[in-house]
Amino acid sequence: MNNDPAIVCLCGSTKFKPVFEKAIKEETLAGRIVVAPGFYTHYDGILVEPEVKVALDKLHLAKIDLCDVVLVINPGGYIGESTRNEIEYALSVGKPIRYWFKH
């Protein structure tokens, strides 16, 4: 039996930074290791070059590979294109999906 804490990867639009922060806190207090975006481009108004966006998306897929479960941050049921792609990838590699808000 493995007693290591579960690793949770948070996925969702970076415009929902406050919700990510709440999820990080709650998942951490529940004893889980949390992997999340390194920064919140949409919420913080950070512009990145297209090639940087591609690199960040690829990095996030690697985070999904590391995790035991994906937690989708989806206020109001919102799931954008990037998040949809991350969900599809996670499912393709056998990762279970949880949703912060029921959809």
PDB file of N, CA and C in Angstrom:
ATOM      1  N   MET A   1       0.840  -1.183   0.000  1.00  0.00           N
ATOM      2  CA  MET A   1       0.000   0.000   0.000  1.00  0.00           C
ATOM      3  C   MET A   1       0.884   1.245   0.000  1.00  0.00           C
ATOM      4  N   ASN A   2       0.549   2.179  -0.855  1.00  0.00           N
ATOM      5  CA  ASN A   2       1.317   3.408  -1.000  1.00  0.00           C
ATOM      6  C   ASN A   2       0.675   4.500  -0.141  1.00  0.00           C
ATOM      7  N   ASN A   3       1.428   5.051   0.789  1.00  0.00           N
ATOM      8  CA  ASN A   3       0.918   6.117   1.650  1.00  0.00           C
ATOM      9  C   ASN A   3       1.383   7.500   1.221  1.00  0.00           C
ATOM     10  N   ASP A   4       1.998   7.594   0.050  1.00  0.00           N
ATOM     11  CA  ASP A   4       2.426   8.901  -0.443  1.00  0.00           C
ATOM     12  C   ASP A   4       1.200   9.766  -0.713  1.00  0.00           C
ATOM     13  N   PRO A   5       1.309  11.077  -0.491  1.00  0.00           N
ATOM     14  CA  PRO A   5       0.175  11.946  -0.798  1.00  0.00           C
ATOM     15  C   PRO A   5      -0.097  11.977  -2.298  1.00  0.00           C
ATOM     16  N   ALA A   6      -1.370  12.108  -2.639  1.00  0.00           N
ATOM     17  CA  ALA A   6      -1.760  12.220  -4.045  1.00  0.00           C
ATOM     18  C   ALA A   6      -1.242  13.532  -4.615  1.00  0.00           C
ATOM     19  N   ILE A   7      -0.914  13.501  -5.889  1.00  0.00           N
ATOM     20  CA  ILE A   7      -0.493  14.703  -6.612  1.00  0.00           C
ATOM     21  C   ILE A   7      -1.661  15.145  -7.484  1.00  0.00           C
ATOM     22  N   VAL A   8      -2.078  16.390  -7.299  1.00  0.00           N
ATOM     23  CA  VAL A   8      -3.203  16.958  -8.029  1.00  0.00           C
ATOM     24  C   VAL A   8      -2.679  18.052  -8.947  1.00  0.00           C
ATOM     25  N   CYS A   9      -3.058  17.986 -10.219  1.00  0.00           N
ATOM     26  CA  CYS A   9      -2.699  19.040 -11.174  1.00  0.00           C
ATOM     27  C   CYS A   9      -3.934  19.884 -11.448  1.00  0.00           C
ATOM     28  N   LEU A  10      -3.839  21.178 -11.184  1.00  0.00           N
ATOM     29  CA  LEU A  10      -4.944  22.086 -11.446  1.00  0.00           C
ATOM     30  C   LEU A  10      -4.891  22.569 -12.886  1.00  0.00           C
ATOM     31  N   CYS A  11      -6.033  22.497 -13.559  1.00  0.00           N
ATOM     32  CA  CYS A  11      -6.163  22.983 -14.932  1.00  0.00           C
ATOM     33  C   CYS A  11      -7.344  23.938 -14.986  1.00  0.00           C
ATOM     34  N   GLY A  12      -7.253  24.931 -15.845  1.00  0.00           N
ATOM     35  CA  GLY A  12      -8.343  25.888 -16.017  1.00  0.00           C
ATOM     36  C   GLY A  12      -7.797  27.189 -16.558  1.00  0.00           C
ATOM     37  N   SER A  13      -8.707  28.090 -16.865  1.00  0.00           N
ATOM     38  CA  SER A  13      -8.300  29.390 -17.382  1.00  0.00           C
ATOM     39  C   SER A  13      -7.555  30.173 -16.313  1.00  0.00           C
ATOM     40  N   THR A  14      -6.451  30.786 -16.716  1.00  0.00           N
ATOM     41  CA  THR A  14      -5.661  31.576 -15.767  1.00  0.00           C
ATOM     42  C   THR A  14      -6.352  32.890 -15.394  1.00  0.00           C
ATOM     43  N   LYS A  15      -7.553  33.131 -15.926  1.00  0.00           N
ATOM     44  CA  LYS A  15      -8.297  34.312 -15.485  1.00  0.00           C
ATOM     45  C   LYS A  15      -8.965  34.084 -14.129  1.00  0.00           C
ATOM     46  N   PHE A  16      -8.939  32.827 -13.649  1.00  0.00           N
ATOM     47  CA  PHE A  16      -9.586  32.487 -12.383  1.00  0.00           C
ATOM     48  C   PHE A  16      -8.579  32.332 -11.237  1.00  0.00           C
ATOM     49  N   LYS A  17      -7.594  33.206 -11.188  1.00  0.00           N
ATOM     50  CA  LYS A  17      -6.531  33.119 -10.173  1.00  0.00           C
ATOM     51  C   LYS A  17      -7.064  32.974  -8.743  1.00  0.00           C
ATOM     52  N   PRO A  18      -8.048  33.765  -8.310  1.00  0.00           N
ATOM     53  CA  PRO A  18      -8.523  33.609  -6.929  1.00  0.00           C
ATOM     54  C   PRO A  18      -9.097  32.211  -6.653  1.00  0.00           C
ATOM     55  N   VAL A  19      -9.725  31.613  -7.644  1.00  0.00           N
ATOM     56  CA  VAL A  19     -10.276  30.267  -7.463  1.00  0.00           C
ATOM     57  C   VAL A  19      -9.142  29.249  -7.403  1.00  0.00           C
ATOM     58  N   PHE A  20      -8.128  29.425  -8.253  1.00  0.00           N
ATOM     59  CA  PHE A  20      -6.943  28.562  -8.181  1.00  0.00           C
ATOM     60  C   PHE A  20      -6.337  28.634  -6.780  1.00  0.00           C
ATOM     61  N   GLU A  21      -6.183  29.852  -6.249  1.00  0.00           N
ATOM     62  CA  GLU A  21      -5.571  30.018  -4.932  1.00  0.00           C
ATOM     63  C   GLU A  21      -6.382  29.312  -3.847  1.00  0.00           C
ATOM     64  N   LYS A  22      -7.704  29.397  -3.938  1.00  0.00           N
ATOM     65  CA  LYS A  22      -8.562  28.705  -2.974  1.00  0.00           C
ATOM     66  C   LYS A  22      -8.392  27.193  -3.112  1.00  0.00           C
ATOM     67  N   ALA A  23      -8.371  26.700  -4.343  1.00  0.00           N
ATOM     68  CA  ALA A  23      -8.210  25.259  -4.576  1.00  0.00           C
ATOM     69  C   ALA A  23      -6.850  24.778  -4.080  1.00  0.00           C
ATOM     70  N   ILE A  24      -5.805  25.563  -4.329  1.00  0.00           N
ATOM     71  CA  ILE A  24      -4.465  25.195  -3.851  1.00  0.00           C
ATOM     72  C   ILE A  24      -4.478  25.058  -2.330  1.00  0.00           C
ATOM     73  N   LYS A  25      -5.074  26.027  -1.661  1.00  0.00           N
ATOM     74  CA  LYS A  25      -5.140  25.991  -0.194  1.00  0.00           C
ATOM     75  C   LYS A  25      -5.906  24.764   0.286  1.00  0.00           C
ATOM     76  N   GLU A  26      -7.096  24.526  -0.269  1.00  0.00           N
ATOM     77  CA  GLU A  26      -7.933  23.417   0.203  1.00  0.00           C
ATOM     78  C   GLU A  26      -7.313  22.061  -0.108  1.00  0.00           C
ATOM     79  N   GLU A  27      -6.746  21.908  -1.290  1.00  0.00           N
ATOM     80  CA  GLU A  27      -6.117  20.634  -1.655  1.00  0.00           C
ATOM     81  C   GLU A  27      -4.881  20.376  -0.792  1.00  0.00           C
ATOM     82  N   THR A  28      -4.115  21.429  -0.516  1.00  0.00           N
ATOM     83  CA  THR A  28      -2.931  21.290   0.340  1.00  0.00           C
ATOM     84  C   THR A  28      -3.338  20.906   1.760  1.00  0.00           C
ATOM     85  N   LEU A  29      -4.357  21.570   2.296  1.00  0.00           N
ATOM     86  CA  LEU A  29      -4.833  21.245   3.643  1.00  0.00           C
ATOM     87  C   LEU A  29      -5.420  19.837   3.721  1.00  0.00           C
ATOM     88  N   ALA A  30      -5.871  19.311   2.579  1.00  0.00           N
ATOM     89  CA  ALA A  30      -6.388  17.937   2.524  1.00  0.00           C
ATOM     90  C   ALA A  30      -5.252  16.920   2.397  1.00  0.00           C
ATOM     91  N   GLY A  31      -4.006  17.422   2.382  1.00  0.00           N
ATOM     92  CA  GLY A  31      -2.855  16.528   2.356  1.00  0.00           C
ATOM     93  C   GLY A  31      -2.384  16.120   0.975  1.00  0.00           C
ATOM     94  N   ARG A  32      -2.776  16.887  -0.026  1.00  0.00           N
ATOM     95  CA  ARG A  32      -2.371  16.575  -1.391  1.00  0.00           C
ATOM     96  C   ARG A  32      -1.257  17.511  -1.854  1.00  0.00           C
ATOM     97  N   ILE A  33      -0.416  17.005  -2.735  1.00  0.00           N
ATOM     98  CA  ILE A  33       0.602  17.825  -3.400  1.00  0.00           C
ATOM     99  C   ILE A  33      -0.083  18.481  -4.590  1.00  0.00           C
ATOM    100  N   VAL A  34       0.057  19.795  -4.711  1.00  0.00           N
ATOM    101  CA  VAL A  34      -0.641  20.529  -5.763  1.00  0.00           C
ATOM    102  C   VAL A  34       0.350  21.057  -6.791  1.00  0.00           C
ATOM    103  N   VAL A  35       0.044  20.783  -8.055  1.00  0.00           N
ATOM    104  CA  VAL A  35       0.803  21.306  -9.185  1.00  0.00           C
ATOM    105  C   VAL A  35      -0.149  22.237  -9.936  1.00  0.00           C
ATOM    106  N   ALA A  36       0.287  23.455 -10.203  1.00  0.00           N
ATOM    107  CA  ALA A  36      -0.597  24.463 -10.795  1.00  0.00           C
ATOM    108  C   ALA A  36       0.192  25.315 -11.779  1.00  0.00           C
ATOM    109  N   PRO A  37      -0.507  26.202 -12.504  1.00  0.00           N
ATOM    110  CA  PRO A  37       0.222  27.130 -13.371  1.00  0.00           C
ATOM    111  C   PRO A  37       1.235  27.934 -12.559  1.00  0.00           C
ATOM    112  N   GLY A  38       2.355  28.250 -13.177  1.00  0.00           N
ATOM    113  CA  GLY A  38       3.397  29.020 -12.505  1.00  0.00           C
ATOM    114  C   GLY A  38       3.032  30.480 -12.330  1.00  0.00           C
ATOM    115  N   PHE A  39       2.184  30.980 -13.214  1.00  0.00           N
ATOM    116  CA  PHE A  39       1.666  32.340 -13.098  1.00  0.00           C
ATOM    117  C   PHE A  39       0.365  32.420 -13.884  1.00  0.00           C
ATOM    118  N   TYR A  40      -0.340  33.537 -13.759  1.00  0.00           N
ATOM    119  CA  TYR A  40      -1.707  33.655 -14.270  1.00  0.00           C
ATOM    120  C   TYR A  40      -1.763  34.763 -15.319  1.00  0.00           C
ATOM    121  N   THR A  41      -1.467  34.386 -16.543  1.00  0.00           N
ATOM    122  CA  THR A  41      -1.335  35.375 -17.616  1.00  0.00           C
ATOM    123  C   THR A  41      -2.596  36.205 -17.807  1.00  0.00           C
ATOM    124  N   HIS A  42      -3.748  35.561 -17.858  1.00  0.00           N
ATOM    125  CA  HIS A  42      -4.980  36.315 -18.105  1.00  0.00           C
ATOM    126  C   HIS A  42      -5.335  37.221 -16.931  1.00  0.00           C
ATOM    127  N   TYR A  43      -5.336  36.684 -15.738  1.00  0.00           N
ATOM    128  CA  TYR A  43      -5.728  37.454 -14.557  1.00  0.00           C
ATOM    129  C   TYR A  43      -4.788  38.636 -14.336  1.00  0.00           C
ATOM    130  N   ASP A  44      -3.494  38.387 -14.483  1.00  0.00           N
ATOM    131  CA  ASP A  44      -2.500  39.428 -14.221  1.00  0.00           C
ATOM    132  C   ASP A  44      -2.188  40.288 -15.441  1.00  0.00           C
ATOM    133  N   GLY A  45      -2.847  40.012 -16.566  1.00  0.00           N
ATOM    134  CA  GLY A  45      -2.627  40.807 -17.771  1.00  0.00           C
ATOM    135  C   GLY A  45      -1.227  40.670 -18.341  1.00  0.00           C
ATOM    136  N   ILE A  46      -0.653  39.491 -18.212  1.00  0.00           N
ATOM    137  CA  ILE A  46       0.696  39.241 -18.725  1.00  0.00           C
ATOM    138  C   ILE A  46       0.601  38.762 -20.168  1.00  0.00           C
ATOM    139  N   LEU A  47       1.240  39.472 -21.056  1.00  0.00           N
ATOM    140  CA  LEU A  47       1.258  39.068 -22.461  1.00  0.00           C
ATOM    141  C   LEU A  47       2.482  38.200 -22.711  1.00  0.00           C
ATOM    142  N   VAL A  48       2.271  37.087 -23.411  1.00  0.00           N
ATOM    143  CA  VAL A  48       3.391  36.218 -23.762  1.00  0.00           C
ATOM    144  C   VAL A  48       3.389  36.001 -25.267  1.00  0.00           C
ATOM    145  N   GLU A  49       4.570  35.827 -25.804  1.00  0.00           N
ATOM    146  CA  GLU A  49       4.714  35.561 -27.233  1.00  0.00           C
ATOM    147  C   GLU A  49       4.098  34.202 -27.551  1.00  0.00           C
ATOM    148  N   PRO A  50       3.628  34.022 -28.794  1.00  0.00           N
ATOM    149  CA  PRO A  50       3.001  32.748 -29.172  1.00  0.00           C
ATOM    150  C   PRO A  50       3.874  31.528 -28.882  1.00  0.00           C
ATOM    151  N   GLU A  51       5.178  31.645 -29.117  1.00  0.00           N
ATOM    152  CA  GLU A  51       6.051  30.485 -28.871  1.00  0.00           C
ATOM    153  C   GLU A  51       6.176  30.192 -27.371  1.00  0.00           C
ATOM    154  N   VAL A  52       6.046  31.223 -26.541  1.00  0.00           N
ATOM    155  CA  VAL A  52       6.069  31.021 -25.091  1.00  0.00           C
ATOM    156  C   VAL A  52       4.781  30.316 -24.659  1.00  0.00           C
ATOM    157  N   LYS A  53       3.658  30.726 -25.235  1.00  0.00           N
ATOM    158  CA  LYS A  53       2.370  30.071 -24.942  1.00  0.00           C
ATOM    159  C   LYS A  53       2.445  28.589 -25.284  1.00  0.00           C
ATOM    160  N   VAL A  54       3.009  28.253 -26.430  1.00  0.00           N
ATOM    161  CA  VAL A  54       3.164  26.847 -26.834  1.00  0.00           C
ATOM    162  C   VAL A  54       4.026  26.103 -25.815  1.00  0.00           C
ATOM    163  N   ALA A  55       5.128  26.727 -25.399  1.00  0.00           N
ATOM    164  CA  ALA A  55       6.025  26.097 -24.423  1.00  0.00           C
ATOM    165  C   ALA A  55       5.326  25.909 -23.072  1.00  0.00           C
ATOM    166  N   LEU A  56       4.548  26.904 -22.645  1.00  0.00           N
ATOM    167  CA  LEU A  56       3.828  26.787 -21.375  1.00  0.00           C
ATOM    168  C   LEU A  56       2.770  25.689 -21.439  1.00  0.00           C
ATOM    169  N   ASP A  57       2.081  25.592 -22.572  1.00  0.00           N
ATOM    170  CA  ASP A  57       1.084  24.529 -22.745  1.00  0.00           C
ATOM    171  C   ASP A  57       1.745  23.158 -22.682  1.00  0.00           C
ATOM    172  N   LYS A  58       2.897  23.022 -23.319  1.00  0.00           N
ATOM    173  CA  LYS A  58       3.635  21.750 -23.298  1.00  0.00           C
ATOM    174  C   LYS A  58       4.087  21.427 -21.874  1.00  0.00           C
ATOM    175  N   LEU A  59       4.554  22.434 -21.154  1.00  0.00           N
ATOM    176  CA  LEU A  59       4.972  22.246 -19.766  1.00  0.00           C
ATOM    177  C   LEU A  59       3.802  21.774 -18.907  1.00  0.00           C
ATOM    178  N   HIS A  60       2.622  22.336 -19.157  1.00  0.00           N
ATOM    179  CA  HIS A  60       1.465  21.938 -18.355  1.00  0.00           C
ATOM    180  C   HIS A  60       1.077  20.485 -18.630  1.00  0.00           C
ATOM    181  N   LEU A  61       1.247  20.030 -19.865  1.00  0.00           N
ATOM    182  CA  LEU A  61       0.985  18.617 -20.165  1.00  0.00           C
ATOM    183  C   LEU A  61       1.955  17.726 -19.392  1.00  0.00           C
ATOM    184  N   ALA A  62       3.192  18.180 -19.241  1.00  0.00           N
ATOM    185  CA  ALA A  62       4.168  17.421 -18.445  1.00  0.00           C
ATOM    186  C   ALA A  62       3.737  17.374 -16.976  1.00  0.00           C
ATOM    187  N   LYS A  63       3.137  18.451 -16.488  1.00  0.00           N
ATOM    188  CA  LYS A  63       2.618  18.457 -15.117  1.00  0.00           C
ATOM    189  C   LYS A  63       1.493  17.432 -14.977  1.00  0.00           C
ATOM    190  N   ILE A  64       0.655  17.335 -15.999  1.00  0.00           N
ATOM    191  CA  ILE A  64      -0.416  16.335 -15.988  1.00  0.00           C
ATOM    192  C   ILE A  64       0.183  14.937 -15.918  1.00  0.00           C
ATOM    193  N   ASP A  65       1.264  14.714 -16.663  1.00  0.00           N
ATOM    194  CA  ASP A  65       1.927  13.401 -16.626  1.00  0.00           C
ATOM    195  C   ASP A  65       2.384  13.041 -15.213  1.00  0.00           C
ATOM    196  N   LEU A  66       2.798  14.033 -14.437  1.00  0.00           N
ATOM    197  CA  LEU A  66       3.300  13.804 -13.074  1.00  0.00           C
ATOM    198  C   LEU A  66       2.203  13.494 -12.057  1.00  0.00           C
ATOM    199  N   CYS A  67       0.992  13.920 -12.338  1.00  0.00           N
ATOM    200  CA  CYS A  67      -0.044  13.881 -11.316  1.00  0.00           C
ATOM    201  C   CYS A  67      -0.794  12.551 -11.267  1.00  0.00           C
ATOM    202  N   ASP A  68      -1.535  12.401 -10.164  1.00  0.00           N
ATOM    203  CA  ASP A  68      -2.430  11.259  -9.986  1.00  0.00           C
ATOM    204  C   ASP A  68      -3.844  11.585 -10.446  1.00  0.00           C
ATOM    205  N   VAL A  69      -4.215  12.845 -10.346  1.00  0.00           N
ATOM    206  CA  VAL A  69      -5.562  13.283 -10.712  1.00  0.00           C
ATOM    207  C   VAL A  69      -5.498  14.731 -11.192  1.00  0.00           C
ATOM    208  N   VAL A  70      -6.388  15.072 -12.116  1.00  0.00           N
ATOM    209  CA  VAL A  70      -6.507  16.442 -12.617  1.00  0.00           C
ATOM    210  C   VAL A  70      -7.741  17.067 -11.974  1.00  0.00           C
ATOM    211  N   LEU A  71      -7.577  18.283 -11.474  1.00  0.00           N
ATOM    212  CA  LEU A  71      -8.692  19.044 -10.917  1.00  0.00           C
ATOM    213  C   LEU A  71      -8.916  20.250 -11.816  1.00  0.00           C
ATOM    214  N   VAL A  72     -10.093  20.287 -12.447  1.00  0.00           N
ATOM    215  CA  VAL A  72     -10.423  21.365 -13.382  1.00  0.00           C
ATOM    216  C   VAL A  72     -11.086  22.501 -12.612  1.00  0.00           C
ATOM    217  N   ILE A  73     -10.510  23.689 -12.743  1.00  0.00           N
ATOM    218  CA  ILE A  73     -11.060  24.907 -12.148  1.00  0.00           C
ATOM    219  C   ILE A  73     -11.998  25.505 -13.195  1.00  0.00           C
ATOM    220  N   ASN A  74     -13.311  25.445 -12.921  1.00  0.00           N
ATOM    221  CA  ASN A  74     -14.295  25.786 -13.947  1.00  0.00           C
ATOM    222  C   ASN A  74     -15.461  26.621 -13.412  1.00  0.00           C
ATOM    223  N   PRO A  75     -15.201  27.819 -12.889  1.00  0.00           N
ATOM    224  CA  PRO A  75     -16.301  28.647 -12.393  1.00  0.00           C
ATOM    225  C   PRO A  75     -17.382  28.852 -13.454  1.00  0.00           C
ATOM    226  N   GLY A  76     -18.624  28.719 -13.036  1.00  0.00           N
ATOM    227  CA  GLY A  76     -19.735  28.895 -13.966  1.00  0.00           C
ATOM    228  C   GLY A  76     -19.772  27.842 -15.055  1.00  0.00           C
ATOM    229  N   GLY A  77     -19.025  26.766 -14.878  1.00  0.00           N
ATOM    230  CA  GLY A  77     -18.960  25.719 -15.896  1.00  0.00           C
ATOM    231  C   GLY A  77     -18.044  26.057 -17.056  1.00  0.00           C
ATOM    232  N   TYR A  78     -17.304  27.173 -16.946  1.00  0.00           N
ATOM    233  CA  TYR A  78     -16.454  27.611 -18.054  1.00  0.00           C
ATOM    234  C   TYR A  78     -15.262  26.677 -18.248  1.00  0.00           C
ATOM    235  N   ILE A  79     -15.138  26.199 -19.485  1.00  0.00           N
ATOM    236  CA  ILE A  79     -13.974  25.415 -19.892  1.00  0.00           C
ATOM    237  C   ILE A  79     -13.565  25.919 -21.271  1.00  0.00           C
ATOM    238  N   GLY A  80     -12.426  26.604 -21.331  1.00  0.00           N
ATOM    239  CA  GLY A  80     -11.933  27.144 -22.593  1.00  0.00           C
ATOM    240  C   GLY A  80     -11.197  26.098 -23.412  1.00  0.00           C
ATOM    241  N   GLU A  81     -10.725  26.525 -24.555  1.00  0.00           N
ATOM    242  CA  GLU A  81     -10.069  25.612 -25.492  1.00  0.00           C
ATOM    243  C   GLU A  81      -8.824  24.951 -24.901  1.00  0.00           C
ATOM    244  N   SER A  82      -7.961  25.726 -24.265  1.00  0.00           N
ATOM    245  CA  SER A  82      -6.738  25.150 -23.685  1.00  0.00           C
ATOM    246  C   SER A  82      -7.077  24.125 -22.607  1.00  0.00           C
ATOM    247  N   THR A  83      -8.035  24.464 -21.762  1.00  0.00           N
ATOM    248  CA  THR A  83      -8.438  23.533 -20.705  1.00  0.00           C
ATOM    249  C   THR A  83      -9.056  22.285 -21.307  1.00  0.00           C
ATOM    250  N   ARG A  84      -9.871  22.448 -22.330  1.00  0.00           N
ATOM    251  CA  ARG A  84     -10.471  21.295 -23.015  1.00  0.00           C
ATOM    252  C   ARG A  84      -9.375  20.380 -23.554  1.00  0.00           C
ATOM    253  N   ASN A  85      -8.348  20.976 -24.143  1.00  0.00           N
ATOM    254  CA  ASN A  85      -7.221  20.187 -24.656  1.00  0.00           C
ATOM    255  C   ASN A  85      -6.503  19.451 -23.523  1.00  0.00           C
ATOM    256  N   GLU A  86      -6.345  20.112 -22.388  1.00  0.00           N
ATOM    257  CA  GLU A  86      -5.692  19.473 -21.237  1.00  0.00           C
ATOM    258  C   GLU A  86      -6.527  18.305 -20.707  1.00  0.00           C
ATOM    259  N   ILE A  87      -7.845  18.481 -20.663  1.00  0.00           N
ATOM    260  CA  ILE A  87      -8.734  17.401 -20.220  1.00  0.00           C
ATOM    261  C   ILE A  87      -8.624  16.213 -21.167  1.00  0.00           C
ATOM    262  N   GLU A  88      -8.673  16.486 -22.465  1.00  0.00           N
ATOM    263  CA  GLU A  88      -8.562  15.406 -23.454  1.00  0.00           C
ATOM    264  C   GLU A  88      -7.229  14.678 -23.312  1.00  0.00           C
ATOM    265  N   TYR A  89      -6.153  15.431 -23.104  1.00  0.00           N
ATOM    266  CA  TYR A  89      -4.844  14.810 -22.926  1.00  0.00           C
ATOM    267  C   TYR A  89      -4.837  13.949 -21.663  1.00  0.00           C
ATOM    268  N   ALA A  90      -5.337  14.503 -20.564  1.00  0.00           N
ATOM    269  CA  ALA A  90      -5.352  13.760 -19.298  1.00  0.00           C
ATOM    270  C   ALA A  90      -6.122  12.449 -19.447  1.00  0.00           C
ATOM    271  N   LEU A  91      -7.258  12.501 -20.093  1.00  0.00           N
ATOM    272  CA  LEU A  91      -8.040  11.282 -20.304  1.00  0.00           C
ATOM    273  C   LEU A  91      -7.283  10.290 -21.178  1.00  0.00           C
ATOM    274  N   SER A  92      -6.572  10.804 -22.179  1.00  0.00           N
ATOM    275  CA  SER A  92      -5.844   9.916 -23.101  1.00  0.00           C
ATOM    276  C   SER A  92      -4.701   9.174 -22.411  1.00  0.00           C
ATOM    277  N   VAL A  93      -4.189   9.741 -21.314  1.00  0.00           N
ATOM    278  CA  VAL A  93      -3.110   9.075 -20.571  1.00  0.00           C
ATOM    279  C   VAL A  93      -3.629   8.446 -19.270  1.00  0.00           C
ATOM    280  N   GLY A  94      -4.950   8.344 -19.158  1.00  0.00           N
ATOM    281  CA  GLY A  94      -5.554   7.611 -18.054  1.00  0.00           C
ATOM    282  C   GLY A  94      -5.661   8.330 -16.726  1.00  0.00           C
ATOM    283  N   LYS A  95      -5.619   9.656 -16.747  1.00  0.00           N
ATOM    284  CA  LYS A  95      -5.734  10.406 -15.488  1.00  0.00           C
ATOM    285  C   LYS A  95      -7.208  10.655 -15.161  1.00  0.00           C
ATOM    286  N   PRO A  96      -7.610  10.400 -13.919  1.00  0.00           N
ATOM    287  CA  PRO A  96      -8.979  10.744 -13.531  1.00  0.00           C
ATOM    288  C   PRO A  96      -9.137  12.264 -13.466  1.00  0.00           C
ATOM    289  N   ILE A  97     -10.364  12.709 -13.709  1.00  0.00           N
ATOM    290  CA  ILE A  97     -10.668  14.141 -13.739  1.00  0.00           C
ATOM    291  C   ILE A  97     -11.670  14.449 -12.635  1.00  0.00           C
ATOM    292  N   ARG A  98     -11.394  15.508 -11.869  1.00  0.00           N
ATOM    293  CA  ARG A  98     -12.351  16.078 -10.929  1.00  0.00           C
ATOM    294  C   ARG A  98     -12.642  17.503 -11.387  1.00  0.00           C
ATOM    295  N   TYR A  99     -13.802  18.006 -11.010  1.00  0.00           N
ATOM    296  CA  TYR A  99     -14.180  19.376 -11.348  1.00  0.00           C
ATOM    297  C   TYR A  99     -14.435  20.143 -10.055  1.00  0.00           C
ATOM    298  N   TRP A 100     -13.871  21.355  -9.974  1.00  0.00           N
ATOM    299  CA  TRP A 100     -14.057  22.196  -8.801  1.00  0.00           C
ATOM    300  C   TRP A 100     -15.531  22.543  -8.640  1.00  0.00           C
ATOM    301  N   PHE A 101     -16.164  22.892  -9.752  1.00  0.00           N
ATOM    302  CA  PHE A 101     -17.594  23.175  -9.770  1.00  0.00           C
ATOM    303  C   PHE A 101     -18.268  22.079 -10.575  1.00  0.00           C
ATOM    304  N   LYS A 102     -19.343  21.536 -10.045  1.00  0.00           N
ATOM    305  CA  LYS A 102     -20.050  20.486 -10.784  1.00  0.00           C
ATOM    306  C   LYS A 102     -20.539  21.062 -12.098  1.00  0.00           C
ATOM    307  N   HIS A 103     -20.442  20.246 -13.132  1.00  0.00           N
ATOM    308  CA  HIS A 103     -20.890  20.726 -14.456  1.00  0.00           C
ATOM    309  C   HIS A 103     -21.932  19.806 -15.022  1.00  0.00           C
TER     310      HIS A 103
END
